[in-house]
Amino acid sequence: MSFVPDKLSAARERRTVRPADLRPPGNEGLMVNEIATDVSMWPSSLWRVTDLEPMRPLLSHRWIRCRSFTVVEQVPAWLAAGPHGDAVEWVIDRARALTVAQAEALAALSDEGEEPLTRTLWARWRRGHGSGSPVGWALTALQEVVTEAARRVGPHLFGPDEEIEEVEVLSDPAWLRAQRAAYAAALALGAPGFLAPDENALLARRWTTVFGSPDLPGR
């Protein structure tokens, strides 16, 4: 695969239906992450590459922009959420298709213990990591898919953002509780090493009560 600036400009023109007046900056190219969990969006596909031809200057030691590289193999997309990303993908898939009945069932269950366990998990993660998430950017993807599911139900689940004018955010109490249940389950199932097994089970309890436990090969 090679990066051709002229094709990028043409693609921008097709997307915006406006002429691309500016040439792309000199360091704009194909971005390659060294660590899968640094991928900043939930991917539809993930590839292992080699033979990188980097562009200058190198802006980071964790990712670089390349003129070209060689694709070695396709790997499971869920690796962007870490070694237990298949469990996180399971949560995201169910959150993407969340129904009113499921949201109400999640909201009706007690969330006792979720908040302190979540704080503990994050505190233990931050002891060895300055930033990021134990499941990569999957938590952002999870919030987006719950919001998309709510929009399919109707605008009555949304209200004005208190900080940004003319922006609406998910505001329905039941759906917000369902979103928090998904968040807790993604952390419990995707980063199980930070809590004891019974604590992880409690953190994921609302989600697994409604959806069951993920049936994943090798787990």
Protein backbone atom coordinates (compact mmCIF):
# COMPACT_ATOMS: atom_id res chain seq x y z
CA MET A 1 0.00 0.00 0.00
CA SER A 2 1.32 3.44 -0.87
CA PHE A 3 0.30 6.96 0.11
CA VAL A 4 -0.32 9.28 -2.84
CA PRO A 5 -1.07 12.91 -1.79
CA ASP A 6 -2.92 13.69 -5.03
CA LYS A 7 -5.37 10.86 -4.37
CA LEU A 8 -5.98 12.19 -0.86
CA SER A 9 -6.85 15.59 -2.32
CA ALA A 10 -9.19 13.97 -4.85
CA ALA A 11 -10.88 11.98 -2.08
CA ARG A 12 -11.39 15.15 -0.05
CA GLU A 13 -12.99 16.83 -3.06
CA ARG A 14 -15.40 13.91 -3.50
CA ARG A 15 -16.33 13.97 0.17
CA THR A 16 -16.79 17.73 0.52
CA VAL A 17 -17.87 18.49 -3.07
CA ARG A 18 -15.43 21.41 -2.95
CA PRO A 19 -12.02 21.87 -4.57
CA ALA A 20 -9.14 20.90 -2.31
CA ASP A 21 -7.11 24.10 -2.48
CA LEU A 22 -4.37 23.13 -0.06
CA ARG A 23 -1.82 20.44 -0.49
CA PRO A 24 -1.61 18.04 2.45
CA PRO A 25 1.10 18.82 5.02
CA GLY A 26 4.45 17.15 4.48
CA ASN A 27 4.00 14.73 7.38
CA GLU A 28 0.54 13.54 6.33
CA GLY A 29 0.47 9.91 5.25
CA LEU A 30 -0.53 6.44 6.33
CA MET A 31 -0.46 6.30 10.12
CA VAL A 32 0.83 3.07 11.63
CA ASN A 33 0.46 2.36 15.36
CA GLU A 34 3.04 0.27 17.15
CA ILE A 35 0.50 -0.80 19.77
CA ALA A 36 -2.95 -2.04 18.73
CA THR A 37 -4.73 -0.41 21.68
CA ASP A 38 -3.53 3.00 20.44
CA VAL A 39 -5.79 2.74 17.39
CA SER A 40 -8.07 5.72 17.97
CA MET A 41 -11.30 4.34 16.53
CA TRP A 42 -13.07 1.01 16.71
CA PRO A 43 -11.70 -0.64 13.57
CA SER A 44 -13.55 -2.70 11.00
CA SER A 45 -10.25 -4.39 10.22
CA LEU A 46 -6.76 -4.50 11.68
CA TRP A 47 -3.55 -5.42 9.90
CA ARG A 48 0.00 -6.29 10.89
CA VAL A 49 2.53 -4.55 8.61
CA THR A 50 6.27 -4.42 8.00
CA ASP A 51 8.79 -2.71 5.67
CA LEU A 52 7.74 0.75 6.81
CA GLU A 53 8.92 3.70 4.77
CA PRO A 54 8.49 6.53 7.29
CA MET A 55 7.92 10.16 6.42
CA ARG A 56 9.85 12.88 8.22
CA PRO A 57 9.78 14.16 10.83
CA LEU A 58 8.77 11.30 13.12
CA LEU A 59 6.27 12.78 15.55
CA SER A 60 5.98 9.91 18.00
CA HIS A 61 7.67 6.72 19.10
CA ARG A 62 4.29 4.93 19.34
CA TRP A 63 3.06 5.77 15.85
CA ILE A 64 4.57 6.96 12.62
CA ARG A 65 3.32 8.18 9.26
CA CYS A 66 4.51 6.20 6.28
CA ARG A 67 4.73 6.55 2.53
CA SER A 68 4.33 2.81 2.18
CA PHE A 69 4.43 -0.49 4.01
CA THR A 70 3.90 -4.19 3.37
CA VAL A 71 0.81 -5.91 4.78
CA VAL A 72 1.79 -9.16 6.49
CA GLU A 73 -1.55 -10.44 7.76
CA GLN A 74 -4.97 -9.46 8.95
CA VAL A 75 -5.51 -9.90 12.69
CA PRO A 76 -8.74 -9.83 14.74
CA ALA A 77 -10.07 -6.28 14.94
CA TRP A 78 -10.88 -6.73 18.62
CA LEU A 79 -7.16 -6.69 19.47
CA ALA A 80 -7.57 -2.89 19.43
CA ALA A 81 -9.22 -3.41 22.83
CA GLY A 82 -6.40 -5.55 24.21
CA PRO A 83 -5.89 -9.30 24.76
CA HIS A 84 -9.45 -9.69 26.03
CA GLY A 85 -10.88 -7.46 23.33
CA ASP A 86 -13.12 -10.23 22.04
CA ALA A 87 -15.19 -9.85 25.21
CA VAL A 88 -15.29 -6.08 24.73
CA GLU A 89 -16.41 -6.60 21.13
CA TRP A 90 -19.20 -8.83 22.46
CA VAL A 91 -20.40 -5.97 24.70
CA ILE A 92 -20.19 -3.44 21.85
CA ASP A 93 -22.14 -5.67 19.47
CA ARG A 94 -25.00 -6.02 21.94
CA ALA A 95 -24.93 -2.35 22.83
CA ARG A 96 -25.18 -1.47 19.14
CA ALA A 97 -28.50 -3.36 18.92
CA LEU A 98 -29.80 -2.26 22.34
CA THR A 99 -33.59 -2.19 22.56
CA VAL A 100 -35.94 -0.27 24.80
CA ALA A 101 -36.80 -3.43 26.75
CA GLN A 102 -33.14 -4.27 27.30
CA ALA A 103 -32.27 -0.72 28.36
CA GLU A 104 -35.13 -0.72 30.84
CA ALA A 105 -34.10 -4.14 32.17
CA LEU A 106 -30.51 -2.94 32.70
CA ALA A 107 -31.74 0.25 34.36
CA ALA A 108 -33.98 -1.68 36.75
CA LEU A 109 -31.10 -3.74 38.17
CA SER A 110 -29.09 -2.55 41.15
CA ASP A 111 -25.74 -1.00 40.29
CA GLU A 112 -24.44 -1.31 43.84
CA GLY A 113 -20.68 -1.80 43.83
CA GLU A 114 -20.10 -0.70 40.23
CA GLU A 115 -18.80 2.79 40.97
CA PRO A 116 -16.23 1.87 43.65
CA LEU A 117 -15.00 -1.10 41.63
CA THR A 118 -14.66 1.08 38.55
CA ARG A 119 -12.63 3.62 40.54
CA THR A 120 -10.40 0.84 41.88
CA LEU A 121 -9.81 -0.60 38.42
CA TRP A 122 -8.87 2.79 37.00
CA ALA A 123 -6.58 3.59 39.94
CA ARG A 124 -4.69 0.33 39.45
CA TRP A 125 -4.43 0.93 35.71
CA ARG A 126 -3.02 4.44 36.19
CA ARG A 127 -0.28 3.21 38.51
CA GLY A 128 1.50 1.77 35.50
CA HIS A 129 0.08 3.92 32.70
CA GLY A 130 0.12 7.68 32.36
CA SER A 131 -2.84 7.81 30.02
CA GLY A 132 -5.07 5.73 27.79
CA SER A 133 -7.44 2.97 28.77
CA PRO A 134 -7.11 -0.72 29.63
CA VAL A 135 -9.38 -1.46 26.65
CA GLY A 136 -7.98 1.10 24.24
CA TRP A 137 -10.52 3.37 22.57
CA ALA A 138 -13.32 0.83 22.88
CA LEU A 139 -15.05 2.83 25.62
CA THR A 140 -15.50 5.71 23.18
CA ALA A 141 -16.90 3.32 20.58
CA LEU A 142 -19.23 1.88 23.20
CA GLN A 143 -20.64 5.32 24.03
CA GLU A 144 -21.18 6.00 20.34
CA VAL A 145 -23.06 2.77 19.63
CA VAL A 146 -25.36 3.22 22.64
CA THR A 147 -26.10 6.74 21.42
CA GLU A 148 -26.83 5.41 17.93
CA ALA A 149 -29.17 2.77 19.37
CA ALA A 150 -31.00 5.45 21.36
CA ARG A 151 -31.37 7.68 18.27
CA ARG A 152 -33.12 4.84 16.48
CA VAL A 153 -35.68 4.81 19.29
CA GLY A 154 -36.42 8.52 19.11
CA PRO A 155 -35.38 12.11 19.90
CA HIS A 156 -37.25 12.06 23.21
CA LEU A 157 -34.25 10.27 24.75
CA PHE A 158 -32.03 13.31 24.16
CA GLY A 159 -31.70 16.75 25.69
CA PRO A 160 -29.49 19.86 25.35
CA ASP A 161 -25.85 19.64 26.36
CA GLU A 162 -25.20 21.84 29.39
CA GLU A 163 -21.79 22.92 28.11
CA ILE A 164 -22.15 23.13 24.32
CA GLU A 165 -24.96 25.13 22.76
CA GLU A 166 -27.11 23.59 20.04
CA VAL A 167 -25.83 20.09 20.84
CA GLU A 168 -28.07 17.33 22.12
CA VAL A 169 -26.84 14.42 24.20
CA LEU A 170 -28.38 11.25 25.56
CA SER A 171 -30.31 12.30 28.67
CA ASP A 172 -32.90 9.62 29.38
CA PRO A 173 -32.18 8.21 32.86
CA ALA A 174 -32.86 4.57 31.92
CA TRP A 175 -30.64 4.70 28.85
CA LEU A 176 -27.86 6.43 30.78
CA ARG A 177 -27.99 3.65 33.37
CA ALA A 178 -27.87 1.10 30.57
CA GLN A 179 -24.86 2.89 29.09
CA ARG A 180 -23.07 2.74 32.46
CA ALA A 181 -23.82 -0.98 32.68
CA ALA A 182 -22.18 -1.49 29.28
CA TYR A 183 -19.19 0.61 30.35
CA ALA A 184 -18.75 -1.43 33.54
CA ALA A 185 -19.05 -4.72 31.69
CA ALA A 186 -16.48 -3.68 29.06
CA LEU A 187 -13.96 -2.91 31.79
CA ALA A 188 -14.71 -6.04 33.80
CA LEU A 189 -14.57 -8.41 30.83
CA GLY A 190 -11.89 -6.57 28.86
CA ALA A 191 -9.44 -5.88 31.69
CA PRO A 192 -9.99 -8.73 34.18
CA GLY A 193 -6.50 -8.59 35.65
CA PHE A 194 -7.13 -5.49 37.74
CA LEU A 195 -9.82 -6.98 39.99
CA ALA A 196 -10.50 -10.29 41.68
CA PRO A 197 -12.82 -12.70 39.82
CA ASP A 198 -15.75 -12.04 42.16
CA GLU A 199 -15.26 -8.29 41.76
CA ASN A 200 -15.24 -8.57 37.97
CA ALA A 201 -18.41 -10.65 38.16
CA LEU A 202 -20.09 -7.96 40.25
CA LEU A 203 -18.91 -5.19 37.93
CA ALA A 204 -20.37 -6.98 34.90
CA ARG A 205 -23.42 -8.36 36.72
CA ARG A 206 -26.09 -6.08 35.27
CA TRP A 207 -24.93 -6.70 31.71
CA THR A 208 -24.53 -10.46 32.08
CA THR A 209 -27.90 -10.72 33.85
CA VAL A 210 -29.61 -9.32 30.76
CA PHE A 211 -27.38 -10.76 28.03
CA GLY A 212 -25.73 -13.78 29.63
CA SER A 213 -21.99 -14.43 29.57
CA PRO A 214 -19.99 -14.23 26.34
CA ASP A 215 -19.41 -17.57 24.66
CA LEU A 216 -15.87 -17.02 23.40
CA PRO A 217 -13.48 -19.65 22.06
CA GLY A 218 -10.70 -20.48 24.49
CA ARG A 219 -12.25 -18.59 27.42
